[in-house]
Amino acid sequence: MTAKDRSHLISNIVDHLSGAKKRIQMRQTAIFYKADPDYGRRVAKGLKLSIKGVERLSGMSQEERAKATDQGTCGDK
């Protein structure tokens, strides 16, 4: 994938996730971060999410991530 293709992919993901609830944005971006940290950071930046929160959530299990975001912290703390 070229750099331009990657930029288009990030832009499309940000566009599609921008209407989702923040907890869903955080969960999905944490999964992107687990797959590729740069990918996750770029999506987080596009959605104006806390990079630290995304990084923290990425280190959790799916169940822990769901619990953290359902409690309203969204991994920000």
Protein backbone atom coordinates (compact mmCIF):
# COMPACT_ATOMS: atom_id res chain seq x y z
CA MET A 1 0.00 0.00 0.00
CA THR A 2 1.36 3.40 -0.91
CA ALA A 3 1.53 6.31 1.52
CA LYS A 4 -1.33 7.94 -0.38
CA ASP A 5 -3.40 4.75 -0.08
CA ARG A 6 -2.73 4.62 3.68
CA SER A 7 -3.81 8.24 4.04
CA HIS A 8 -7.03 7.53 2.16
CA LEU A 9 -7.68 4.49 4.35
CA ILE A 10 -7.20 6.51 7.55
CA SER A 11 -9.43 9.28 6.20
CA ASN A 12 -12.18 6.79 5.33
CA ILE A 13 -12.01 5.12 8.73
CA VAL A 14 -12.12 8.46 10.53
CA ASP A 15 -15.10 9.53 8.42
CA HIS A 16 -16.99 6.32 9.21
CA LEU A 17 -16.17 6.28 12.92
CA SER A 18 -16.77 9.99 13.50
CA GLY A 19 -20.49 9.43 14.04
CA ALA A 20 -20.00 6.57 16.51
CA LYS A 21 -20.13 6.96 20.28
CA LYS A 22 -16.79 7.79 21.85
CA ARG A 23 -16.60 4.43 23.63
CA ILE A 24 -16.89 2.63 20.28
CA GLN A 25 -14.29 4.93 18.72
CA MET A 26 -11.90 4.20 21.59
CA ARG A 27 -12.42 0.42 21.44
CA GLN A 28 -11.94 0.21 17.69
CA THR A 29 -8.96 2.56 17.64
CA ALA A 30 -7.30 0.48 20.38
CA ILE A 31 -7.68 -2.59 18.14
CA PHE A 32 -6.14 -0.66 15.24
CA TYR A 33 -3.29 0.34 17.58
CA LYS A 34 -2.72 -3.30 18.54
CA ALA A 35 -2.47 -4.22 14.85
CA ASP A 36 -0.12 -1.32 14.04
CA PRO A 37 0.73 1.49 16.47
CA ASP A 38 1.17 4.10 13.73
CA TYR A 39 -2.19 3.14 12.24
CA GLY A 40 -3.88 3.48 15.62
CA ARG A 41 -2.20 6.81 16.36
CA ARG A 42 -3.29 8.24 13.03
CA VAL A 43 -6.90 7.16 13.52
CA ALA A 44 -6.86 8.50 17.10
CA LYS A 45 -5.47 11.83 15.90
CA GLY A 46 -8.15 12.05 13.18
CA LEU A 47 -10.88 11.37 15.75
CA LYS A 48 -9.27 13.71 18.32
CA LEU A 49 -8.97 10.87 20.84
CA SER A 50 -6.45 10.58 23.64
CA ILE A 51 -3.43 8.68 22.30
CA LYS A 52 -2.52 7.69 25.86
CA GLY A 53 -6.04 6.35 26.39
CA VAL A 54 -5.90 4.36 23.15
CA GLU A 55 -2.49 2.94 24.11
CA ARG A 56 -3.80 1.95 27.54
CA LEU A 57 -6.87 0.26 26.10
CA SER A 58 -4.79 -1.61 23.54
CA GLY A 59 -3.01 -3.43 26.36
CA MET A 60 -6.29 -4.76 27.76
CA SER A 61 -8.25 -7.86 26.91
CA GLN A 62 -11.48 -7.40 24.96
CA GLU A 63 -13.47 -7.81 28.17
CA GLU A 64 -11.34 -5.29 30.09
CA ARG A 65 -11.56 -2.80 27.20
CA ALA A 66 -15.36 -3.13 27.07
CA LYS A 67 -15.65 -2.69 30.84
CA ALA A 68 -13.37 0.36 30.87
CA THR A 69 -15.26 2.09 28.08
CA ASP A 70 -18.71 1.11 29.40
CA GLN A 71 -17.82 2.74 32.73
CA GLY A 72 -17.46 6.01 30.91
CA THR A 73 -13.72 6.44 31.36
CA CYS A 74 -13.03 5.61 27.70
CA GLY A 75 -9.45 4.88 28.66
CA ASP A 76 -8.64 8.55 29.18
CA LYS A 77 -7.50 8.20 32.77
